[in-house]
Amino acid sequence: MSLDAAAIERIARELGIGDEEIAARKAYLDFSADDAARLKTLHQPLAAVRAEIINEFYAHLLSFEETSARLGDESALLRLKQAQSLYFDQLTEGRYDAGYVRDRIRVGAAHQRIGLEPKWYLGAYCKYLGLLIPQLKEAAAGESRIPLQTTLSLLKLVFLDIGLAIDTYISDREKRITQKAAQLAALNHVAATITSSLSIREVLDEVMRCAVEFTGARASCLAFFDHAAGEFRDWVTRGLSERFRRNMTFRRGGLAAEAFATGNHVLSSDAPAARHRLSALAREEGIRCFVCLPLIFQQEQLGVLYMYRDDRDDFHADEIDLLKTFAHLAAGAICNARLYAK
């Protein structure tokens, strides 16, 4: 998912990256106007080898199973190469202001979101420099001292970029830890709330309300399986439009059936690596992704729980883990309410 300008500004504020901070970081690295000028002289000469370096760089990343699995399909890889080409171009543009820093934050956030951990990010930078530095002497037209000075200028800028990326990782991880603590506390509250009622309608309303509240999702749906008919027949929703509810279907062999049959969650989105694409109905509703989880309690298969997001095209692994626990609690509460009703 591409981050918009507002999201990047929010991250920059969270990191405290303003004009004064940028100037301070440059000062720590002794990065001056002379460094910017040296790098700018390489802009045109290096343009000729940009495609070659980028292809070699991604061939290196694809040679590792851990990184290859995160780069996506051919279309996703092409987009990454285009982004890398833009980064390569900006590296020697000579403009290292707030706009440049925002783009570096964007790169760090994008790598973090696809799961490229700092160890791989640092390794990738090392490879990138290994490919780029040998080109500096030719780009400097054979003048013996300039390549060393220019190499130092390049390293200063790269360290600035790495620092920004690592800060993005650390900030996001701290945010995840805080969020998970809040979610676990909410889960305890949810367990107490949904098991305190014996009214089936109250339980269903609380399950959907709590699921939306502690995940930050846009909407939720509970669909129940009729074993006699062999299909999903009854469902209740929260946060979805009347048009969406009216046109909802649960076809045989669909996502609900897969989650129900396998006992595992199923994710749907339009992200490049997604196995299940969104329906036209979901796109029109503004949904960017949804997850379907089975409701099973003591071997009894009740139905499925859907959670819909409109703010991003995935659910994080820790969110899925929490939702699995929540689905189990919800299934137990629904079973108890049904038994009481009988």
Protein backbone atom coordinates (compact mmCIF):
# COMPACT_ATOMS: atom_id res chain seq x y z
CA MET A 1 0.00 0.00 0.00
CA SER A 2 1.29 3.42 -0.95
CA LEU A 3 1.32 5.96 1.89
CA ASP A 4 -0.20 9.34 1.08
CA ALA A 5 1.33 12.71 1.98
CA ALA A 6 -0.82 13.06 5.11
CA ALA A 7 0.37 9.70 6.44
CA ILE A 8 4.02 10.63 5.81
CA GLU A 9 3.55 13.97 7.60
CA ARG A 10 2.01 12.16 10.54
CA ILE A 11 5.01 9.79 10.75
CA ALA A 12 7.42 12.73 10.47
CA ARG A 13 5.64 14.47 13.38
CA GLU A 14 5.75 11.29 15.47
CA LEU A 15 9.49 11.03 14.80
CA GLY A 16 10.03 14.73 15.53
CA ILE A 17 11.54 15.27 12.08
CA GLY A 18 11.24 18.99 11.41
CA ASP A 19 13.61 21.48 9.80
CA GLU A 20 15.71 21.86 12.97
CA GLU A 21 16.06 18.09 13.39
CA ILE A 22 17.08 17.66 9.74
CA ALA A 23 19.72 20.38 10.12
CA ALA A 24 21.00 18.76 13.33
CA ARG A 25 21.31 15.33 11.69
CA LYS A 26 23.22 16.80 8.78
CA ALA A 27 25.52 18.61 11.20
CA TYR A 28 26.23 15.37 13.13
CA LEU A 29 27.20 13.74 9.83
CA ASP A 30 29.19 16.82 8.73
CA PHE A 31 27.10 16.90 5.58
CA SER A 32 27.55 20.30 3.96
CA ALA A 33 26.71 22.20 0.80
CA ASP A 34 30.04 20.97 -0.61
CA ASP A 35 28.88 17.37 -0.19
CA ALA A 36 25.61 18.17 -1.97
CA ALA A 37 27.56 19.83 -4.81
CA ARG A 38 29.88 16.82 -5.22
CA LEU A 39 26.96 14.43 -5.43
CA LYS A 40 25.20 16.64 -7.96
CA THR A 41 28.18 16.39 -10.36
CA LEU A 42 27.54 12.62 -10.54
CA HIS A 43 23.88 12.96 -11.48
CA GLN A 44 24.17 12.74 -15.27
CA PRO A 45 27.10 10.27 -15.44
CA LEU A 46 25.40 7.79 -13.10
CA ALA A 47 22.10 7.99 -15.00
CA ALA A 48 23.65 5.79 -17.70
CA VAL A 49 24.23 2.87 -15.30
CA ARG A 50 21.07 3.27 -13.19
CA ALA A 51 19.08 0.43 -14.79
CA GLU A 52 22.03 -1.97 -14.64
CA ILE A 53 22.64 -1.32 -10.93
CA ILE A 54 18.94 -1.64 -10.06
CA ASN A 55 18.63 -4.96 -11.90
CA GLU A 56 21.72 -6.34 -10.13
CA PHE A 57 20.42 -5.02 -6.81
CA TYR A 58 17.08 -6.83 -7.12
CA ALA A 59 18.74 -9.99 -8.41
CA HIS A 60 20.64 -9.98 -5.10
CA LEU A 61 17.45 -9.52 -3.05
CA LEU A 62 15.66 -12.26 -4.99
CA SER A 63 18.47 -14.72 -4.24
CA PHE A 64 17.33 -14.91 -0.58
CA GLU A 65 14.14 -16.74 0.32
CA GLU A 66 13.33 -14.33 3.16
CA THR A 67 13.43 -11.23 0.96
CA SER A 68 12.14 -12.84 -2.24
CA ALA A 69 8.92 -13.90 -0.48
CA ARG A 70 8.24 -10.28 0.49
CA LEU A 71 8.84 -8.64 -2.88
CA GLY A 72 5.57 -9.87 -4.40
CA ASP A 73 4.75 -10.86 -7.96
CA GLU A 74 6.18 -9.46 -11.21
CA SER A 75 3.95 -6.38 -11.21
CA ALA A 76 4.87 -5.60 -7.57
CA LEU A 77 8.55 -6.10 -8.37
CA LEU A 78 8.27 -3.70 -11.32
CA ARG A 79 6.77 -1.03 -9.04
CA LEU A 80 9.58 -1.54 -6.53
CA LYS A 81 12.18 -1.16 -9.29
CA GLN A 82 10.51 2.05 -10.42
CA ALA A 83 10.57 3.37 -6.84
CA GLN A 84 14.23 2.36 -6.54
CA SER A 85 15.00 4.17 -9.79
CA LEU A 86 13.40 7.31 -8.38
CA TYR A 87 15.45 6.93 -5.19
CA PHE A 88 18.65 6.48 -7.23
CA ASP A 89 17.80 9.62 -9.16
CA GLN A 90 17.15 11.66 -5.99
CA LEU A 91 20.38 10.45 -4.36
CA THR A 92 22.50 12.66 -6.62
CA GLU A 93 20.00 15.41 -7.37
CA GLY A 94 21.67 17.80 -4.93
CA ARG A 95 18.39 18.59 -3.15
CA TYR A 96 18.39 17.26 0.41
CA ASP A 97 15.63 19.29 2.03
CA ALA A 98 12.43 18.40 3.88
CA GLY A 99 10.94 16.92 0.69
CA TYR A 100 13.89 14.55 0.34
CA VAL A 101 13.55 13.50 3.99
CA ARG A 102 9.81 12.83 3.56
CA ASP A 103 10.61 10.53 0.63
CA ARG A 104 13.17 8.65 2.76
CA ILE A 105 10.54 8.20 5.48
CA ARG A 106 8.18 6.86 2.82
CA VAL A 107 10.80 4.29 1.74
CA GLY A 108 11.42 3.19 5.34
CA ALA A 109 7.70 2.87 6.08
CA ALA A 110 7.06 0.94 2.86
CA HIS A 111 9.87 -1.53 3.60
CA GLN A 112 8.63 -1.97 7.15
CA ARG A 113 5.08 -2.69 5.96
CA ILE A 114 6.15 -5.45 3.55
CA GLY A 115 8.18 -7.04 6.35
CA LEU A 116 11.70 -6.12 5.23
CA GLU A 117 13.37 -6.12 8.65
CA PRO A 118 16.35 -3.85 9.49
CA LYS A 119 18.89 -6.67 9.01
CA TRP A 120 17.74 -7.11 5.41
CA TYR A 121 17.44 -3.38 4.85
CA LEU A 122 21.05 -2.85 5.99
CA GLY A 123 22.24 -5.77 3.87
CA ALA A 124 20.47 -4.32 0.86
CA TYR A 125 22.13 -0.94 1.40
CA CYS A 126 25.53 -2.62 1.64
CA LYS A 127 24.93 -4.36 -1.69
CA TYR A 128 23.66 -1.13 -3.23
CA LEU A 129 26.80 0.74 -2.22
CA GLY A 130 28.95 -2.14 -3.45
CA LEU A 131 27.40 -1.71 -6.88
CA LEU A 132 27.41 2.10 -6.87
CA ILE A 133 30.84 3.04 -5.49
CA PRO A 134 32.88 1.38 -8.31
CA GLN A 135 31.03 3.65 -10.74
CA LEU A 136 32.17 6.84 -9.00
CA LYS A 137 35.68 6.94 -10.44
CA GLU A 138 34.43 6.78 -14.02
CA ALA A 139 31.71 9.31 -13.23
CA ALA A 140 34.36 11.66 -11.81
CA ALA A 141 36.23 11.66 -15.16
CA GLY A 142 39.40 10.06 -13.76
CA GLU A 143 40.38 12.79 -11.28
CA SER A 144 42.18 10.87 -8.54
CA ARG A 145 41.09 12.77 -5.40
CA ILE A 146 37.47 13.39 -6.24
CA PRO A 147 36.27 9.77 -5.95
CA LEU A 148 37.36 9.56 -2.28
CA GLN A 149 35.74 12.88 -1.41
CA THR A 150 32.62 11.95 -3.33
CA THR A 151 32.50 8.51 -1.71
CA LEU A 152 32.56 10.17 1.71
CA SER A 153 29.76 12.52 0.63
CA LEU A 154 27.72 9.54 -0.57
CA LEU A 155 28.29 7.65 2.68
CA LYS A 156 27.17 10.64 4.74
CA LEU A 157 23.92 10.83 2.79
CA VAL A 158 23.36 7.07 3.00
CA PHE A 159 23.85 7.16 6.78
CA LEU A 160 21.28 9.97 6.93
CA ASP A 161 18.84 7.79 4.97
CA ILE A 162 19.51 4.68 7.07
CA GLY A 163 19.00 6.66 10.27
CA LEU A 164 15.60 7.85 9.06
CA ALA A 165 14.57 4.33 8.03
CA ILE A 166 15.66 2.78 11.33
CA ASP A 167 13.81 5.50 13.26
CA THR A 168 10.69 4.60 11.27
CA TYR A 169 11.08 0.94 12.21
CA ILE A 170 11.61 1.70 15.90
CA SER A 171 8.67 4.12 16.05
CA ASP A 172 6.35 1.65 14.37
CA ARG A 173 7.47 -1.20 16.63
CA GLU A 174 6.93 0.89 19.77
CA LYS A 175 3.50 1.84 18.48
CA ARG A 176 2.70 -1.83 17.83
CA ILE A 177 3.74 -2.78 21.38
CA THR A 178 1.57 -0.03 22.88
CA GLN A 179 -1.32 -0.98 20.61
CA LYS A 180 -1.03 -4.67 21.46
CA ALA A 181 -1.08 -3.92 25.19
CA ALA A 182 -4.24 -1.87 24.68
CA GLN A 183 -5.78 -4.63 22.56
CA LEU A 184 -5.05 -7.28 25.19
CA ALA A 185 -6.66 -5.12 27.83
CA ALA A 186 -9.64 -4.63 25.52
CA LEU A 187 -9.79 -8.39 24.91
CA ASN A 188 -10.13 -9.01 28.63
CA HIS A 189 -12.94 -6.47 28.72
CA VAL A 190 -14.55 -8.13 25.68
CA ALA A 191 -14.43 -11.57 27.32
CA ALA A 192 -16.21 -10.22 30.38
CA THR A 193 -18.74 -8.27 28.31
CA ILE A 194 -19.87 -10.91 25.81
CA THR A 195 -20.03 -13.72 28.37
CA SER A 196 -22.10 -11.69 30.84
CA SER A 197 -25.24 -11.72 28.69
CA LEU A 198 -27.49 -14.66 27.90
CA SER A 199 -29.57 -12.84 25.27
CA ILE A 200 -28.51 -14.01 21.80
CA ARG A 201 -29.23 -10.61 20.23
CA GLU A 202 -27.26 -8.78 22.90
CA VAL A 203 -24.35 -11.19 22.48
CA LEU A 204 -24.29 -10.71 18.70
CA ASP A 205 -24.41 -6.91 19.03
CA GLU A 206 -21.62 -6.92 21.62
CA VAL A 207 -19.43 -9.29 19.58
CA MET A 208 -19.56 -7.03 16.54
CA ARG A 209 -19.23 -3.79 18.52
CA CYS A 210 -16.24 -5.03 20.49
CA ALA A 211 -14.53 -6.49 17.40
CA VAL A 212 -14.77 -3.14 15.59
CA GLU A 213 -13.68 -1.22 18.68
CA PHE A 214 -10.49 -3.10 19.56
CA THR A 215 -9.25 -3.64 16.00
CA GLY A 216 -10.10 -0.21 14.61
CA ALA A 217 -11.86 -1.92 11.70
CA ARG A 218 -14.61 -0.24 9.70
CA ALA A 219 -17.29 -2.93 9.98
CA SER A 220 -18.08 -6.51 10.97
CA CYS A 221 -20.44 -9.33 10.07
CA LEU A 222 -21.48 -12.61 11.69
CA ALA A 223 -22.79 -15.29 9.30
CA PHE A 224 -24.29 -18.54 10.56
CA PHE A 225 -24.19 -21.90 8.84
CA ASP A 226 -27.34 -23.99 8.46
CA HIS A 227 -26.09 -27.60 8.62
CA ALA A 228 -29.41 -29.03 7.43
CA ALA A 229 -29.40 -26.85 4.30
CA GLY A 230 -25.61 -27.00 3.87
CA GLU A 231 -25.26 -23.24 3.39
CA PHE A 232 -24.90 -19.89 5.18
CA ARG A 233 -28.37 -18.45 5.73
CA ASP A 234 -28.53 -15.95 8.58
CA TRP A 235 -26.19 -13.03 9.15
CA VAL A 236 -26.01 -9.77 11.08
CA THR A 237 -23.77 -6.79 10.31
CA ARG A 238 -22.40 -3.60 11.84
CA GLY A 239 -21.01 -0.60 9.95
CA LEU A 240 -22.06 -1.70 6.44
CA SER A 241 -24.42 0.16 4.11
CA GLU A 242 -27.94 -1.01 3.35
CA ARG A 243 -26.91 -1.60 -0.28
CA PHE A 244 -24.01 -3.81 0.78
CA ARG A 245 -26.19 -5.83 3.18
CA ARG A 246 -28.90 -6.26 0.55
CA ASN A 247 -26.43 -7.63 -2.00
CA MET A 248 -24.34 -9.84 0.29
CA THR A 249 -24.08 -13.47 -0.82
CA PHE A 250 -22.32 -16.55 0.53
CA ARG A 251 -21.69 -18.73 -2.49
CA ARG A 252 -20.75 -22.37 -2.16
CA GLY A 253 -16.98 -22.76 -2.24
CA GLY A 254 -16.41 -19.06 -1.40
CA LEU A 255 -14.27 -17.46 1.30
CA ALA A 256 -16.72 -18.27 4.11
CA ALA A 257 -16.85 -21.90 3.02
CA GLU A 258 -13.03 -22.05 2.85
CA ALA A 259 -12.59 -20.57 6.34
CA PHE A 260 -15.32 -22.82 7.65
CA ALA A 261 -13.86 -25.95 6.05
CA THR A 262 -10.20 -25.30 6.92
CA GLY A 263 -10.73 -23.83 10.38
CA ASN A 264 -8.34 -21.00 9.46
CA HIS A 265 -8.68 -17.32 8.58
CA VAL A 266 -8.93 -16.15 4.95
CA LEU A 267 -7.85 -12.66 3.82
CA SER A 268 -9.17 -10.76 0.82
CA SER A 269 -7.67 -7.55 -0.64
CA ASP A 270 -6.35 -6.04 -3.86
CA ALA A 271 -2.74 -6.04 -2.60
CA PRO A 272 -0.32 -7.52 -5.21
CA ALA A 273 0.33 -10.75 -3.29
CA ALA A 274 -3.29 -11.34 -2.24
CA ARG A 275 -4.71 -14.76 -3.10
CA HIS A 276 -8.34 -13.58 -2.91
CA ARG A 277 -9.28 -10.32 -4.65
CA LEU A 278 -12.02 -8.01 -3.45
CA SER A 279 -15.44 -8.15 -5.06
CA ALA A 280 -16.84 -5.17 -6.96
CA LEU A 281 -19.38 -4.76 -4.15
CA ALA A 282 -16.60 -4.46 -1.54
CA ARG A 283 -14.68 -1.91 -3.64
CA GLU A 284 -17.80 0.21 -4.11
CA GLU A 285 -18.32 0.13 -0.33
CA GLY A 286 -14.80 1.57 0.13
CA ILE A 287 -13.48 -1.65 1.69
CA ARG A 288 -9.72 -2.14 1.22
CA CYS A 289 -9.48 -5.57 2.83
CA PHE A 290 -11.39 -8.00 4.99
CA VAL A 291 -10.64 -11.14 6.95
CA CYS A 292 -12.97 -14.09 7.45
CA LEU A 293 -12.53 -16.24 10.58
CA PRO A 294 -14.40 -19.42 11.54
CA LEU A 295 -16.60 -19.50 14.64
CA ILE A 296 -15.96 -22.90 16.24
CA PHE A 297 -16.59 -23.90 19.85
CA GLN A 298 -15.94 -27.39 21.26
CA GLN A 299 -15.93 -28.91 17.76
CA GLU A 300 -19.24 -27.24 16.91
CA GLN A 301 -19.03 -25.16 13.74
CA LEU A 302 -21.31 -22.16 14.08
CA GLY A 303 -20.36 -19.89 11.20
CA VAL A 304 -17.86 -17.15 10.37
CA LEU A 305 -16.83 -13.67 11.55
CA TYR A 306 -15.94 -11.01 8.96
CA MET A 307 -13.88 -7.90 9.78
CA TYR A 308 -13.65 -5.11 7.16
CA ARG A 309 -11.00 -2.35 6.92
CA ASP A 310 -11.08 0.80 4.82
CA ASP A 311 -7.80 2.35 6.07
CA ARG A 312 -5.28 -0.22 4.71
CA ASP A 313 -5.16 -3.36 2.60
CA ASP A 314 -4.03 -5.86 5.24
CA PHE A 315 -4.41 -7.08 8.81
CA HIS A 316 -1.19 -7.37 10.80
CA ALA A 317 -0.20 -10.80 12.10
CA ASP A 318 -0.74 -9.75 15.73
CA GLU A 319 -4.23 -8.48 14.83
CA ILE A 320 -5.06 -11.84 13.27
CA ASP A 321 -3.86 -13.63 16.42
CA LEU A 322 -6.09 -11.44 18.59
CA LEU A 323 -9.05 -11.95 16.26
CA LYS A 324 -8.61 -15.73 16.41
CA THR A 325 -8.77 -15.59 20.21
CA PHE A 326 -11.73 -13.23 20.00
CA ALA A 327 -13.56 -15.51 17.54
CA HIS A 328 -13.14 -18.43 19.96
CA LEU A 329 -14.54 -16.35 22.84
CA ALA A 330 -17.40 -15.14 20.65
CA ALA A 331 -18.28 -18.68 19.57
CA GLY A 332 -18.46 -19.77 23.21
CA ALA A 333 -20.69 -16.83 24.15
CA ILE A 334 -23.02 -17.53 21.19
CA CYS A 335 -23.25 -21.21 22.13
CA ASN A 336 -24.12 -20.33 25.74
CA ALA A 337 -26.79 -17.85 24.63
CA ARG A 338 -28.32 -20.41 22.27
CA LEU A 339 -28.42 -23.05 24.99
CA TYR A 340 -30.07 -20.59 27.37
CA ALA A 341 -32.64 -19.68 24.71
CA LYS A 342 -33.52 -23.36 24.23
